[in-house]
């Protein structure tokens, strides 16, 4: 009988939790402004590292997707109604975090007639109105 060798992960693959003041600040802004991030919704293992630097990718149109892609970790199901306050909330979160470059993504919304394009445009307009230096 061959004795099984215990395999260990290399140090570079292990992610250490980095709950810093930057992480806590980002978390507070996300919760206070009632916005979603892909970081949380997809259970990203790098969330601590990004959030400590006040970096986040905003997820709009909710956190429930109408599709069930095998590569994605977003919850699939029947999404809630669009939050009409979301464009302003995202813009204010960006302002609170003093972000100059922002990434926005969205869940797929097959349930909406325009697939959410009008809402996406409203989010961008709200960001530009409140944060004139954001790219």
N, C-alpha and C. Protein backbone atom coordinates (compact mmCIF):
# COMPACT_ATOMS: atom_id res chain seq x y z
N UNK A 1 0.84 -1.17 0.00
CA UNK A 1 0.00 0.00 0.00
C UNK A 1 0.89 1.25 0.00
N UNK A 2 0.61 2.18 -0.90
CA UNK A 2 1.38 3.40 -1.01
C UNK A 2 0.80 4.45 -0.07
N UNK A 3 1.66 5.03 0.73
CA UNK A 3 1.22 6.06 1.66
C UNK A 3 0.95 7.35 0.89
N UNK A 4 -0.23 7.93 1.11
CA UNK A 4 -0.59 9.17 0.40
C UNK A 4 0.17 10.35 0.99
N UNK A 5 0.67 11.16 0.09
CA UNK A 5 1.41 12.35 0.49
C UNK A 5 0.42 13.51 0.65
N UNK A 6 0.51 14.23 1.74
CA UNK A 6 -0.37 15.36 1.97
C UNK A 6 0.14 16.56 1.18
N UNK A 7 -0.72 17.08 0.30
CA UNK A 7 -0.35 18.23 -0.50
C UNK A 7 -0.78 19.50 0.22
N UNK A 8 0.09 20.48 0.22
CA UNK A 8 -0.23 21.77 0.84
C UNK A 8 -0.20 22.84 -0.23
N UNK A 9 -1.01 23.86 -0.03
CA UNK A 9 -1.05 24.97 -0.96
C UNK A 9 0.19 25.83 -0.78
N UNK A 10 0.73 26.34 -1.87
CA UNK A 10 1.88 27.25 -1.74
C UNK A 10 1.43 28.57 -1.09
N UNK A 11 2.35 29.25 -0.43
CA UNK A 11 2.02 30.49 0.27
C UNK A 11 1.40 31.55 -0.65
N UNK A 12 1.87 31.61 -1.90
CA UNK A 12 1.40 32.66 -2.80
C UNK A 12 -0.07 32.49 -3.19
N UNK A 13 -0.64 31.31 -2.99
CA UNK A 13 -2.04 31.08 -3.36
C UNK A 13 -2.98 31.34 -2.19
N UNK A 14 -2.44 31.44 -0.99
CA UNK A 14 -3.26 31.67 0.19
C UNK A 14 -3.56 33.16 0.32
N UNK A 15 -4.83 33.49 0.49
CA UNK A 15 -5.24 34.88 0.65
C UNK A 15 -5.45 35.15 2.13
N UNK A 16 -4.75 36.15 2.62
CA UNK A 16 -4.89 36.51 4.03
C UNK A 16 -5.88 37.65 4.16
N UNK A 17 -6.73 37.57 5.14
CA UNK A 17 -7.70 38.62 5.40
C UNK A 17 -6.97 39.89 5.83
N UNK A 18 -7.35 41.00 5.21
CA UNK A 18 -6.70 42.28 5.50
C UNK A 18 -7.74 43.31 5.89
N UNK A 19 -8.44 43.06 6.95
CA UNK A 19 -9.48 43.98 7.39
C UNK A 19 -8.83 45.21 8.01
N UNK A 20 -8.61 46.21 7.16
CA UNK A 20 -7.95 47.44 7.57
C UNK A 20 -9.00 48.54 7.69
N UNK A 21 -8.54 49.74 8.03
CA UNK A 21 -9.46 50.87 8.10
C UNK A 21 -10.03 51.19 6.72
N UNK A 22 -9.23 50.99 5.66
CA UNK A 22 -9.72 51.20 4.30
C UNK A 22 -10.83 50.22 3.95
N UNK A 23 -10.64 48.96 4.35
CA UNK A 23 -11.65 47.94 4.13
C UNK A 23 -12.93 48.31 4.87
N UNK A 24 -12.80 48.67 6.14
CA UNK A 24 -13.96 49.02 6.95
C UNK A 24 -14.68 50.23 6.38
N UNK A 25 -13.92 51.23 5.93
CA UNK A 25 -14.52 52.42 5.33
C UNK A 25 -15.31 52.06 4.08
N UNK A 26 -14.72 51.25 3.21
CA UNK A 26 -15.41 50.84 1.99
C UNK A 26 -16.68 50.06 2.32
N UNK A 27 -16.58 49.14 3.26
CA UNK A 27 -17.74 48.36 3.69
C UNK A 27 -18.85 49.27 4.20
N UNK A 28 -18.49 50.25 5.02
CA UNK A 28 -19.48 51.17 5.58
C UNK A 28 -20.17 51.99 4.48
N UNK A 29 -19.40 52.44 3.50
CA UNK A 29 -19.99 53.22 2.39
C UNK A 29 -20.94 52.34 1.59
N UNK A 30 -20.52 51.13 1.28
CA UNK A 30 -21.36 50.20 0.50
C UNK A 30 -22.68 49.94 1.24
N UNK A 31 -22.60 49.70 2.53
CA UNK A 31 -23.80 49.42 3.32
C UNK A 31 -24.67 50.66 3.51
N UNK A 32 -24.03 51.80 3.83
CA UNK A 32 -24.78 53.04 4.07
C UNK A 32 -25.51 53.51 2.82
N UNK A 33 -24.84 53.40 1.68
CA UNK A 33 -25.42 53.86 0.41
C UNK A 33 -26.30 52.80 -0.24
N UNK A 34 -26.38 51.62 0.37
CA UNK A 34 -27.24 50.55 -0.13
C UNK A 34 -26.93 50.21 -1.59
N UNK A 35 -25.65 50.00 -1.87
CA UNK A 35 -25.22 49.62 -3.21
C UNK A 35 -24.62 48.22 -3.17
N UNK A 36 -24.54 47.60 -4.33
CA UNK A 36 -23.97 46.26 -4.44
C UNK A 36 -22.62 46.34 -5.14
N UNK A 37 -21.77 45.39 -4.82
CA UNK A 37 -20.50 45.26 -5.53
C UNK A 37 -20.36 43.83 -6.02
N UNK A 38 -19.66 43.68 -7.13
CA UNK A 38 -19.39 42.34 -7.63
C UNK A 38 -18.49 41.61 -6.64
N UNK A 39 -17.72 42.39 -5.90
CA UNK A 39 -16.80 41.84 -4.91
C UNK A 39 -17.55 40.96 -3.91
N UNK A 40 -18.64 41.48 -3.40
CA UNK A 40 -19.45 40.74 -2.43
C UNK A 40 -20.30 39.68 -3.10
N UNK A 41 -20.98 40.07 -4.18
CA UNK A 41 -21.95 39.18 -4.81
C UNK A 41 -21.30 37.92 -5.39
N UNK A 42 -20.06 38.04 -5.84
CA UNK A 42 -19.40 36.87 -6.43
C UNK A 42 -18.45 36.19 -5.45
N UNK A 43 -18.47 36.65 -4.20
CA UNK A 43 -17.61 36.07 -3.16
C UNK A 43 -16.14 36.11 -3.55
N UNK A 44 -15.69 37.25 -4.05
CA UNK A 44 -14.32 37.40 -4.52
C UNK A 44 -13.32 37.19 -3.38
N UNK A 45 -12.32 36.36 -3.59
CA UNK A 45 -11.34 36.12 -2.53
C UNK A 45 -10.39 37.30 -2.32
N UNK A 46 -10.38 38.26 -3.23
CA UNK A 46 -9.48 39.41 -3.13
C UNK A 46 -10.16 40.65 -2.54
N UNK A 47 -11.34 40.50 -2.01
CA UNK A 47 -12.10 41.65 -1.53
C UNK A 47 -11.33 42.46 -0.48
N UNK A 48 -10.64 41.80 0.42
CA UNK A 48 -9.90 42.52 1.46
C UNK A 48 -8.82 43.39 0.87
N UNK A 49 -8.10 42.85 -0.09
CA UNK A 49 -7.01 43.60 -0.71
C UNK A 49 -7.53 44.81 -1.48
N UNK A 50 -8.59 44.64 -2.23
CA UNK A 50 -9.14 45.76 -3.01
C UNK A 50 -9.78 46.80 -2.11
N UNK A 51 -10.61 46.35 -1.19
CA UNK A 51 -11.35 47.29 -0.37
C UNK A 51 -10.44 48.09 0.56
N UNK A 52 -9.31 47.54 0.95
CA UNK A 52 -8.40 48.32 1.80
C UNK A 52 -7.88 49.53 1.04
N UNK A 53 -7.84 49.43 -0.30
CA UNK A 53 -7.40 50.54 -1.15
C UNK A 53 -8.58 51.33 -1.71
N UNK A 54 -9.76 51.12 -1.14
CA UNK A 54 -10.99 51.78 -1.57
C UNK A 54 -11.25 51.55 -3.06
N UNK A 55 -11.06 50.31 -3.49
CA UNK A 55 -11.32 49.89 -4.86
C UNK A 55 -12.46 48.90 -4.83
N UNK A 56 -13.46 49.14 -5.66
CA UNK A 56 -14.59 48.23 -5.73
C UNK A 56 -15.20 48.32 -7.13
N UNK A 57 -15.78 47.24 -7.56
CA UNK A 57 -16.53 47.24 -8.82
C UNK A 57 -18.00 47.19 -8.46
N UNK A 58 -18.71 48.24 -8.82
CA UNK A 58 -20.12 48.35 -8.46
C UNK A 58 -20.96 47.46 -9.36
N UNK A 59 -21.94 46.81 -8.75
CA UNK A 59 -22.86 45.90 -9.42
C UNK A 59 -24.23 46.56 -9.38
N UNK A 60 -24.75 46.91 -10.55
CA UNK A 60 -26.04 47.61 -10.57
C UNK A 60 -27.17 46.69 -11.02
N UNK A 61 -28.37 47.14 -10.80
CA UNK A 61 -29.62 46.45 -11.14
C UNK A 61 -29.88 45.27 -10.21
N UNK A 62 -29.35 45.35 -9.01
CA UNK A 62 -29.59 44.31 -8.02
C UNK A 62 -28.44 43.33 -7.93
N UNK A 63 -28.64 42.30 -7.15
CA UNK A 63 -27.61 41.27 -6.99
C UNK A 63 -28.13 39.88 -7.33
N UNK A 64 -29.24 39.85 -8.06
CA UNK A 64 -29.80 38.58 -8.53
C UNK A 64 -29.89 38.63 -10.05
N UNK A 65 -29.30 37.65 -10.69
CA UNK A 65 -29.22 37.60 -12.15
C UNK A 65 -30.32 36.71 -12.71
N UNK A 66 -30.79 37.04 -13.92
CA UNK A 66 -31.82 36.21 -14.55
C UNK A 66 -31.24 35.00 -15.27
N UNK A 67 -29.93 34.92 -15.35
CA UNK A 67 -29.28 33.78 -16.00
C UNK A 67 -28.50 32.96 -14.98
N UNK A 68 -28.17 31.76 -15.35
CA UNK A 68 -27.41 30.88 -14.46
C UNK A 68 -26.16 30.41 -15.21
N UNK A 69 -25.20 31.31 -15.34
CA UNK A 69 -23.96 30.98 -16.05
C UNK A 69 -23.10 30.10 -15.16
N UNK A 70 -22.48 29.12 -15.74
CA UNK A 70 -21.68 28.18 -14.95
C UNK A 70 -20.39 28.79 -14.42
N UNK A 71 -19.90 29.83 -15.07
CA UNK A 71 -18.63 30.43 -14.65
C UNK A 71 -18.81 31.52 -13.60
N UNK A 72 -20.04 31.89 -13.31
CA UNK A 72 -20.32 33.04 -12.45
C UNK A 72 -20.84 32.59 -11.09
N UNK A 73 -20.54 33.37 -10.08
CA UNK A 73 -20.97 33.03 -8.73
C UNK A 73 -22.10 33.93 -8.24
N UNK A 74 -22.72 34.68 -9.14
CA UNK A 74 -23.84 35.55 -8.78
C UNK A 74 -25.09 34.69 -8.58
N UNK A 75 -25.89 35.04 -7.60
CA UNK A 75 -27.13 34.33 -7.35
C UNK A 75 -28.07 34.50 -8.54
N UNK A 76 -28.65 33.42 -9.00
CA UNK A 76 -29.60 33.45 -10.10
C UNK A 76 -31.01 33.29 -9.56
N UNK A 77 -31.96 33.92 -10.23
CA UNK A 77 -33.34 33.80 -9.80
C UNK A 77 -34.19 34.91 -10.37
N UNK A 78 -35.24 35.23 -9.67
CA UNK A 78 -36.13 36.30 -10.08
C UNK A 78 -35.70 37.57 -9.34
N UNK A 79 -35.19 38.55 -10.10
CA UNK A 79 -34.69 39.77 -9.45
C UNK A 79 -35.82 40.66 -8.92
N UNK A 80 -35.44 41.52 -8.00
CA UNK A 80 -36.38 42.50 -7.45
C UNK A 80 -36.55 43.63 -8.46
N UNK A 81 -37.50 44.50 -8.20
CA UNK A 81 -37.69 45.68 -9.05
C UNK A 81 -36.44 46.54 -9.01
N UNK A 82 -36.22 47.27 -10.09
CA UNK A 82 -35.08 48.19 -10.11
C UNK A 82 -35.24 49.24 -9.03
N UNK A 83 -34.17 49.57 -8.37
CA UNK A 83 -34.16 50.60 -7.33
C UNK A 83 -33.96 51.94 -8.03
N UNK A 84 -35.00 52.78 -8.05
CA UNK A 84 -34.90 54.07 -8.74
C UNK A 84 -33.89 55.00 -8.07
N UNK A 85 -33.54 54.73 -6.83
CA UNK A 85 -32.55 55.53 -6.12
C UNK A 85 -31.13 55.06 -6.34
N UNK A 86 -30.97 53.93 -7.03
CA UNK A 86 -29.63 53.36 -7.21
C UNK A 86 -28.66 54.28 -7.95
N UNK A 87 -29.07 54.95 -9.03
CA UNK A 87 -28.10 55.83 -9.71
C UNK A 87 -27.48 56.86 -8.76
N UNK A 88 -28.29 57.50 -7.97
CA UNK A 88 -27.78 58.50 -7.03
C UNK A 88 -26.97 57.85 -5.91
N UNK A 89 -27.40 56.70 -5.44
CA UNK A 89 -26.67 56.00 -4.38
C UNK A 89 -25.27 55.59 -4.84
N UNK A 90 -25.16 55.09 -6.07
CA UNK A 90 -23.85 54.71 -6.60
C UNK A 90 -22.98 55.95 -6.74
N UNK A 91 -23.55 57.03 -7.27
CA UNK A 91 -22.79 58.28 -7.43
C UNK A 91 -22.29 58.81 -6.09
N UNK A 92 -23.13 58.75 -5.07
CA UNK A 92 -22.73 59.21 -3.74
C UNK A 92 -21.67 58.30 -3.12
N UNK A 93 -21.78 56.99 -3.35
CA UNK A 93 -20.76 56.07 -2.84
C UNK A 93 -19.41 56.37 -3.47
N UNK A 94 -19.40 56.65 -4.75
CA UNK A 94 -18.16 57.00 -5.45
C UNK A 94 -17.59 58.29 -4.89
N UNK A 95 -18.46 59.24 -4.62
CA UNK A 95 -18.03 60.51 -4.02
C UNK A 95 -17.49 60.28 -2.61
N UNK A 96 -18.16 59.48 -1.82
CA UNK A 96 -17.72 59.18 -0.45
C UNK A 96 -16.34 58.53 -0.42
N UNK A 97 -16.09 57.65 -1.38
CA UNK A 97 -14.82 56.94 -1.43
C UNK A 97 -13.72 57.73 -2.15
N UNK A 98 -14.11 58.86 -2.74
CA UNK A 98 -13.16 59.71 -3.47
C UNK A 98 -12.49 58.93 -4.62
N UNK A 99 -13.30 58.18 -5.32
CA UNK A 99 -12.81 57.37 -6.43
C UNK A 99 -12.74 58.24 -7.68
N UNK A 100 -11.63 58.14 -8.42
CA UNK A 100 -11.48 58.90 -9.66
C UNK A 100 -11.71 58.04 -10.89
N UNK A 101 -11.59 56.74 -10.74
CA UNK A 101 -11.81 55.80 -11.83
C UNK A 101 -12.74 54.72 -11.30
N UNK A 102 -13.83 54.48 -12.00
CA UNK A 102 -14.82 53.54 -11.48
C UNK A 102 -15.15 52.48 -12.52
N UNK A 103 -15.40 51.27 -12.03
CA UNK A 103 -15.84 50.17 -12.87
C UNK A 103 -17.25 49.80 -12.42
N UNK A 104 -18.13 49.71 -13.40
CA UNK A 104 -19.52 49.34 -13.12
C UNK A 104 -19.87 48.15 -13.98
N UNK A 105 -20.50 47.17 -13.37
CA UNK A 105 -21.00 46.02 -14.10
C UNK A 105 -22.43 45.79 -13.64
N UNK A 106 -23.08 44.84 -14.24
CA UNK A 106 -24.46 44.59 -13.85
C UNK A 106 -24.80 43.11 -13.98
N UNK A 107 -25.83 42.75 -13.29
CA UNK A 107 -26.41 41.44 -13.49
C UNK A 107 -27.15 41.48 -14.82
N UNK A 108 -27.45 40.34 -15.38
CA UNK A 108 -28.26 40.29 -16.59
C UNK A 108 -29.72 40.42 -16.19
N UNK A 109 -30.43 41.29 -16.89
CA UNK A 109 -31.84 41.52 -16.58
C UNK A 109 -32.70 41.25 -17.81
N UNK A 110 -32.86 39.97 -18.14
CA UNK A 110 -33.69 39.57 -19.27
C UNK A 110 -35.16 39.91 -19.04
N UNK A 111 -35.52 40.22 -17.79
CA UNK A 111 -36.90 40.53 -17.46
C UNK A 111 -37.30 41.95 -17.85
N UNK A 112 -36.33 42.80 -18.17
CA UNK A 112 -36.61 44.19 -18.52
C UNK A 112 -36.68 44.36 -20.03
N UNK A 113 -37.61 45.18 -20.47
CA UNK A 113 -37.80 45.36 -21.92
C UNK A 113 -36.53 45.82 -22.63
N UNK A 114 -35.80 46.75 -22.02
CA UNK A 114 -34.55 47.24 -22.65
C UNK A 114 -33.32 46.58 -22.06
N UNK A 115 -33.53 45.49 -21.32
CA UNK A 115 -32.46 44.72 -20.66
C UNK A 115 -31.67 45.54 -19.65
N UNK A 116 -32.20 46.69 -19.26
CA UNK A 116 -31.57 47.53 -18.25
C UNK A 116 -30.71 48.65 -18.79
N UNK A 117 -30.70 48.85 -20.10
CA UNK A 117 -29.81 49.88 -20.68
C UNK A 117 -30.18 51.29 -20.22
N UNK A 118 -31.45 51.59 -20.05
CA UNK A 118 -31.86 52.91 -19.58
C UNK A 118 -31.37 53.13 -18.15
N UNK A 119 -31.48 52.13 -17.33
CA UNK A 119 -31.02 52.25 -15.94
C UNK A 119 -29.50 52.43 -15.90
N UNK A 120 -28.79 51.68 -16.72
CA UNK A 120 -27.33 51.79 -16.80
C UNK A 120 -26.96 53.23 -17.17
N UNK A 121 -27.65 53.79 -18.15
CA UNK A 121 -27.39 55.17 -18.58
C UNK A 121 -27.67 56.16 -17.45
N UNK A 122 -28.72 55.92 -16.68
CA UNK A 122 -29.05 56.80 -15.55
C UNK A 122 -27.95 56.77 -14.47
N UNK A 123 -27.40 55.59 -14.25
CA UNK A 123 -26.30 55.47 -13.28
C UNK A 123 -25.11 56.29 -13.75
N UNK A 124 -24.75 56.16 -15.00
CA UNK A 124 -23.61 56.91 -15.55
C UNK A 124 -23.87 58.41 -15.48
N UNK A 125 -25.06 58.85 -15.83
CA UNK A 125 -25.41 60.27 -15.77
C UNK A 125 -25.32 60.79 -14.33
N UNK A 126 -25.81 60.03 -13.38
CA UNK A 126 -25.75 60.45 -11.97
C UNK A 126 -24.31 60.56 -11.49
N UNK A 127 -23.48 59.63 -11.92
CA UNK A 127 -22.05 59.67 -11.53
C UNK A 127 -21.40 60.91 -12.11
N UNK A 128 -21.63 61.19 -13.38
CA UNK A 128 -21.01 62.35 -14.03
C UNK A 128 -21.50 63.66 -13.42
N UNK A 129 -22.75 63.70 -13.03
CA UNK A 129 -23.32 64.92 -12.43
C UNK A 129 -22.69 65.22 -11.08
N UNK A 130 -22.44 64.21 -10.29
CA UNK A 130 -21.94 64.38 -8.94
C UNK A 130 -20.41 64.33 -8.85
N UNK A 131 -19.79 63.69 -9.79
CA UNK A 131 -18.34 63.46 -9.74
C UNK A 131 -17.74 63.84 -11.10
N UNK A 132 -17.48 65.09 -11.32
CA UNK A 132 -17.05 65.55 -12.64
C UNK A 132 -15.65 65.08 -13.05
N UNK A 133 -14.85 64.55 -12.12
CA UNK A 133 -13.51 64.09 -12.45
C UNK A 133 -13.40 62.57 -12.60
N UNK A 134 -14.53 61.88 -12.48
CA UNK A 134 -14.52 60.43 -12.58
C UNK A 134 -14.45 60.00 -14.03
N UNK A 135 -13.57 59.04 -14.29
CA UNK A 135 -13.47 58.48 -15.66
C UNK A 135 -14.17 57.16 -15.72
